């Protein structure tokens, strides 16, 4: 069931984020990169801001948050994570389709996203194309990801 995230979801969302990076993204990033990236799960102020200021949705299955995604007011697909036990079940596709519907309804001409190496093939299947590879720094640890775009009009 898709629904809007609430602050009551914060702990489950942040734990899902940490675990997905640690258990799924580890195949494409080294331990130092995973630790720096996943370490952001404790940023309560950042999570609170995202949940309250973005269009932040969750997919819930049997009372468990199986995935989540968020859309900023500038048309940026910010968050997209699927629980490691629910990978490959169409959850990410449902989340992206909902974000696309909301963005289209708001009149956005395109969606942008900063996409991990792991998620890039999925985003390409969803109609996103790479604008440019980029190097981001988290706590002085560099990671590669991709600036991607999907036209909506």
Protein backbone atom coordinates (compact mmCIF):
# COMPACT_ATOMS: atom_id res chain seq x y z
CA UNK A 1 0.00 0.00 0.00
CA UNK A 2 1.39 3.38 -1.03
CA UNK A 3 0.95 6.16 1.51
CA UNK A 4 2.48 9.45 2.63
CA UNK A 5 5.30 9.08 5.17
CA UNK A 6 4.88 10.55 8.64
CA UNK A 7 7.36 11.44 11.36
CA UNK A 8 6.29 8.24 13.15
CA UNK A 9 8.02 6.37 10.29
CA UNK A 10 11.36 8.10 10.86
CA UNK A 11 13.15 5.27 12.68
CA UNK A 12 11.96 2.60 10.25
CA UNK A 13 12.86 4.77 7.23
CA UNK A 14 16.34 5.60 8.47
CA UNK A 15 17.03 1.97 9.39
CA UNK A 16 15.84 0.79 5.96
CA UNK A 17 18.13 3.39 4.36
CA UNK A 18 21.16 2.21 6.38
CA UNK A 19 20.46 -1.47 5.79
CA UNK A 20 19.84 -1.11 2.05
CA UNK A 21 23.11 0.72 1.54
CA UNK A 22 24.97 -1.76 3.75
CA UNK A 23 23.46 -4.91 2.23
CA UNK A 24 22.61 -3.98 -1.38
CA UNK A 25 24.88 -1.11 -2.44
CA UNK A 26 27.93 -2.89 -0.98
CA UNK A 27 28.20 -4.76 -4.30
CA UNK A 28 29.11 -1.51 -6.09
CA UNK A 29 30.86 0.54 -3.37
CA UNK A 30 33.71 -0.27 -1.01
CA UNK A 31 33.35 -0.53 2.78
CA UNK A 32 34.57 3.02 3.46
CA UNK A 33 32.09 4.44 0.93
CA UNK A 34 29.22 2.36 2.32
CA UNK A 35 30.05 3.34 5.90
CA UNK A 36 30.17 7.06 5.08
CA UNK A 37 26.96 6.96 3.03
CA UNK A 38 25.00 4.70 5.38
CA UNK A 39 26.23 6.75 8.33
CA UNK A 40 23.79 9.49 7.39
CA UNK A 41 20.96 7.36 8.79
CA UNK A 42 21.40 9.11 12.15
CA UNK A 43 20.76 12.62 10.76
CA UNK A 44 17.37 13.07 12.46
CA UNK A 45 17.07 16.75 11.48
CA UNK A 46 17.69 15.90 7.82
CA UNK A 47 15.16 13.06 7.86
CA UNK A 48 12.58 15.25 9.59
CA UNK A 49 13.03 17.96 6.97
CA UNK A 50 12.68 15.52 4.08
CA UNK A 51 9.55 13.87 5.53
CA UNK A 52 7.85 17.18 6.26
CA UNK A 53 9.00 19.28 3.29
CA UNK A 54 9.04 16.80 0.39
CA UNK A 55 6.35 14.64 -1.17
CA UNK A 56 7.59 11.58 0.74
CA UNK A 57 5.90 8.25 0.07
CA UNK A 58 6.29 4.74 1.44
CA UNK A 59 5.24 1.33 0.20
CA UNK A 60 3.98 -0.66 3.16
CA UNK A 61 3.48 -4.43 3.05
CA UNK A 62 2.01 -6.20 6.04
CA UNK A 63 2.83 -3.32 8.35
CA UNK A 64 6.47 -3.17 7.17
CA UNK A 65 7.89 -0.30 5.12
CA UNK A 66 9.24 -2.12 2.07
CA UNK A 67 10.46 1.01 0.25
CA UNK A 68 10.25 4.76 0.04
CA UNK A 69 10.78 7.66 -2.31
CA UNK A 70 10.53 11.43 -2.21
CA UNK A 71 10.10 14.39 -4.54
CA UNK A 72 11.35 17.91 -3.86
CA UNK A 73 9.46 21.05 -4.84
CA UNK A 74 12.01 21.60 -7.62
CA UNK A 75 11.26 18.29 -9.38
CA UNK A 76 14.15 16.28 -7.97
CA UNK A 77 13.56 12.64 -7.08
CA UNK A 78 15.58 12.78 -3.88
CA UNK A 79 15.15 9.52 -1.98
CA UNK A 80 14.58 6.03 -3.43
CA UNK A 81 15.32 2.96 -1.36
CA UNK A 82 13.83 -0.53 -1.25
CA UNK A 83 14.26 -2.85 1.74
CA UNK A 84 16.85 -5.54 1.05
CA UNK A 85 14.26 -8.30 1.65
CA UNK A 86 11.86 -6.78 -0.91
CA UNK A 87 14.22 -6.24 -3.86
CA UNK A 88 12.93 -7.31 -7.29
CA UNK A 89 9.23 -7.24 -6.38
CA UNK A 90 8.19 -4.15 -8.33
CA UNK A 91 8.23 -1.82 -5.34
CA UNK A 92 10.71 0.66 -6.83
CA UNK A 93 8.69 0.74 -10.06
CA UNK A 94 5.48 1.56 -8.13
CA UNK A 95 7.29 4.27 -6.18
CA UNK A 96 8.81 5.89 -9.28
CA UNK A 97 5.50 5.72 -11.15
CA UNK A 98 3.81 7.54 -8.26
CA UNK A 99 6.55 10.19 -8.14
CA UNK A 100 6.22 10.66 -11.92
CA UNK A 101 2.44 11.04 -11.57
CA UNK A 102 2.81 13.66 -8.83
CA UNK A 103 5.53 15.54 -10.75
CA UNK A 104 3.42 15.50 -13.92
CA UNK A 105 0.42 16.73 -11.96
CA UNK A 106 2.51 19.61 -10.66
CA UNK A 107 3.45 20.54 -14.22
CA UNK A 108 7.14 19.70 -13.97
CA UNK A 109 8.78 19.29 -17.37
CA UNK A 110 11.33 16.77 -16.10
CA UNK A 111 12.53 14.82 -13.11
CA UNK A 112 16.16 14.81 -12.04
CA UNK A 113 17.85 12.42 -9.64
CA UNK A 114 21.30 11.60 -8.30
CA UNK A 115 21.49 7.85 -8.80
CA UNK A 116 23.89 5.28 -7.39
CA UNK A 117 25.86 2.85 -9.51
CA UNK A 118 23.56 0.12 -8.14
CA UNK A 119 20.33 1.88 -9.10
CA UNK A 120 21.42 3.21 -12.50
CA UNK A 121 20.16 0.22 -14.58
CA UNK A 122 16.73 0.42 -12.89
CA UNK A 123 16.46 4.17 -13.51
CA UNK A 124 17.44 3.67 -17.15
CA UNK A 125 14.63 1.09 -17.50
CA UNK A 126 12.29 3.72 -16.03
CA UNK A 127 13.17 6.22 -18.78
CA UNK A 128 15.93 8.22 -17.09
CA UNK A 129 19.13 9.04 -18.96
CA UNK A 130 22.53 9.96 -17.58
CA UNK A 131 23.40 13.64 -17.82
CA UNK A 132 26.81 13.20 -16.23
CA UNK A 133 28.75 10.97 -13.84
CA UNK A 134 29.64 12.83 -10.67
CA UNK A 135 31.90 12.42 -7.67
CA UNK A 136 30.30 13.27 -4.34
CA UNK A 137 32.11 13.55 -1.04
CA UNK A 138 30.63 12.30 2.21
CA UNK A 139 32.81 12.88 5.25
CA UNK A 140 35.87 13.13 2.98
CA UNK A 141 35.05 9.83 1.27
CA UNK A 142 34.41 10.07 -2.48
CA UNK A 143 31.63 8.12 -4.20
CA UNK A 144 30.58 7.97 -7.83
CA UNK A 145 26.96 8.47 -8.78
CA UNK A 146 25.07 9.79 -11.80
CA UNK A 147 23.00 12.89 -12.42
CA UNK A 148 20.03 11.56 -14.38
CA UNK A 149 16.95 13.12 -15.99
CA UNK A 150 13.57 11.92 -17.19
CA UNK A 151 11.50 14.17 -19.46
CA UNK A 152 7.85 14.40 -18.44
CA UNK A 153 6.38 16.48 -21.28
